[in-house]
Amino acid sequence: MKKNMGSVDRGIRVAIAVIFATLFVTGIVTGVIGTILLIVGGVFVATSVVSFCPLYTLIGVNTCSVKK
């Protein structure tokens, strides 16, 4: 897998995942919507760890900076 996510993109995804988890744990968002937010947050963290987003590949986006 070729990296297609930059560090800013990865940081934003992790921050959003933390927000989703906080909303669920504090009980602000519960039920099915809360579970969906946790799953999306988990996907955000997983894609941030590997610096690869399959959706970006499908739509042709690359936020990773070019190394010279």
C-alpha atoms as a PDB file:
ATOM      1  CA  MET A   1       0.000   0.000   0.000  1.00  0.00           C
ATOM      2  CA  LYS A   2       1.338   3.357  -1.005  1.00  0.00           C
ATOM      3  CA  LYS A   3       0.758   6.126   1.547  1.00  0.00           C
ATOM      4  CA  ASN A   4      -1.886   8.606   0.475  1.00  0.00           C
ATOM      5  CA  MET A   5      -2.503  10.535   3.718  1.00  0.00           C
ATOM      6  CA  GLY A   6      -0.496  13.487   4.992  1.00  0.00           C
ATOM      7  CA  SER A   7       0.260  14.216   8.637  1.00  0.00           C
ATOM      8  CA  VAL A   8      -2.355  16.978   8.912  1.00  0.00           C
ATOM      9  CA  ASP A   9      -5.032  14.658   7.519  1.00  0.00           C
ATOM     10  CA  ARG A  10      -4.009  11.933   9.948  1.00  0.00           C
ATOM     11  CA  GLY A  11      -4.099  14.337  12.890  1.00  0.00           C
ATOM     12  CA  ILE A  12      -7.558  15.583  11.989  1.00  0.00           C
ATOM     13  CA  ARG A  13      -8.854  12.027  11.724  1.00  0.00           C
ATOM     14  CA  VAL A  14      -7.471  11.083  15.142  1.00  0.00           C
ATOM     15  CA  ALA A  15      -8.963  14.245  16.687  1.00  0.00           C
ATOM     16  CA  ILE A  16     -12.373  13.442  15.200  1.00  0.00           C
ATOM     17  CA  ALA A  17     -12.123   9.862  16.490  1.00  0.00           C
ATOM     18  CA  VAL A  18     -11.370  11.162  20.006  1.00  0.00           C
ATOM     19  CA  ILE A  19     -14.383  13.483  19.806  1.00  0.00           C
ATOM     20  CA  PHE A  20     -16.631  10.616  18.675  1.00  0.00           C
ATOM     21  CA  ALA A  21     -15.404   8.384  21.508  1.00  0.00           C
ATOM     22  CA  THR A  22     -15.877  11.160  24.065  1.00  0.00           C
ATOM     23  CA  LEU A  23     -19.432  11.793  22.888  1.00  0.00           C
ATOM     24  CA  PHE A  24     -20.245   8.106  23.250  1.00  0.00           C
ATOM     25  CA  VAL A  25     -18.539   7.553  26.614  1.00  0.00           C
ATOM     26  CA  THR A  26     -20.118  10.629  28.216  1.00  0.00           C
ATOM     27  CA  GLY A  27     -23.564   9.519  27.032  1.00  0.00           C
ATOM     28  CA  ILE A  28     -24.234  12.535  24.832  1.00  0.00           C
ATOM     29  CA  VAL A  29     -24.691  10.234  21.830  1.00  0.00           C
ATOM     30  CA  THR A  30     -26.097   6.775  22.511  1.00  0.00           C
ATOM     31  CA  GLY A  31     -27.778   3.895  20.754  1.00  0.00           C
ATOM     32  CA  VAL A  32     -27.265   3.052  17.122  1.00  0.00           C
ATOM     33  CA  ILE A  33     -25.866   6.485  16.234  1.00  0.00           C
ATOM     34  CA  GLY A  34     -23.316   6.185  19.048  1.00  0.00           C
ATOM     35  CA  THR A  35     -22.243   2.765  17.847  1.00  0.00           C
ATOM     36  CA  ILE A  36     -21.887   4.028  14.292  1.00  0.00           C
ATOM     37  CA  LEU A  37     -19.749   6.944  15.508  1.00  0.00           C
ATOM     38  CA  LEU A  38     -17.495   4.513  17.397  1.00  0.00           C
ATOM     39  CA  ILE A  39     -17.055   2.355  14.305  1.00  0.00           C
ATOM     40  CA  VAL A  40     -16.289   5.381  12.109  1.00  0.00           C
ATOM     41  CA  GLY A  41     -13.835   6.618  14.749  1.00  0.00           C
ATOM     42  CA  GLY A  42     -12.125   3.223  14.765  1.00  0.00           C
ATOM     43  CA  VAL A  43     -11.805   3.311  10.994  1.00  0.00           C
ATOM     44  CA  PHE A  44     -10.339   6.830  11.215  1.00  0.00           C
ATOM     45  CA  VAL A  45      -7.722   5.678  13.723  1.00  0.00           C
ATOM     46  CA  ALA A  46      -6.877   2.562  11.709  1.00  0.00           C
ATOM     47  CA  THR A  47      -6.418   4.486   8.466  1.00  0.00           C
ATOM     48  CA  SER A  48      -4.346   7.102  10.297  1.00  0.00           C
ATOM     49  CA  VAL A  49      -2.000   4.465  11.703  1.00  0.00           C
ATOM     50  CA  VAL A  50      -1.280   2.953   8.290  1.00  0.00           C
ATOM     51  CA  SER A  51      -1.407   6.322   6.428  1.00  0.00           C
ATOM     52  CA  PHE A  52      -3.619   4.793   3.769  1.00  0.00           C
ATOM     53  CA  CYS A  53      -7.274   5.445   2.975  1.00  0.00           C
ATOM     54  CA  PRO A  54      -8.910   3.097   0.450  1.00  0.00           C
ATOM     55  CA  LEU A  55     -11.604   5.681  -0.298  1.00  0.00           C
ATOM     56  CA  TYR A  56      -8.930   8.200  -1.297  1.00  0.00           C
ATOM     57  CA  THR A  57      -7.622   5.671  -3.817  1.00  0.00           C
ATOM     58  CA  LEU A  58     -11.067   5.256  -5.364  1.00  0.00           C
ATOM     59  CA  ILE A  59     -11.665   8.996  -5.771  1.00  0.00           C
ATOM     60  CA  GLY A  60      -8.059   9.868  -6.655  1.00  0.00           C
ATOM     61  CA  VAL A  61      -7.136  11.995  -3.629  1.00  0.00           C
ATOM     62  CA  ASN A  62      -3.609  12.139  -2.185  1.00  0.00           C
ATOM     63  CA  THR A  63      -2.881  14.408   0.793  1.00  0.00           C
ATOM     64  CA  CYS A  64       0.608  13.041   1.324  1.00  0.00           C
ATOM     65  CA  SER A  65       3.338  15.533   0.514  1.00  0.00           C
ATOM     66  CA  VAL A  66       5.707  14.773  -2.352  1.00  0.00           C
ATOM     67  CA  LYS A  67       9.240  13.924  -1.214  1.00  0.00           C
ATOM     68  CA  LYS A  68      12.032  15.415  -3.275  1.00  0.00           C
END
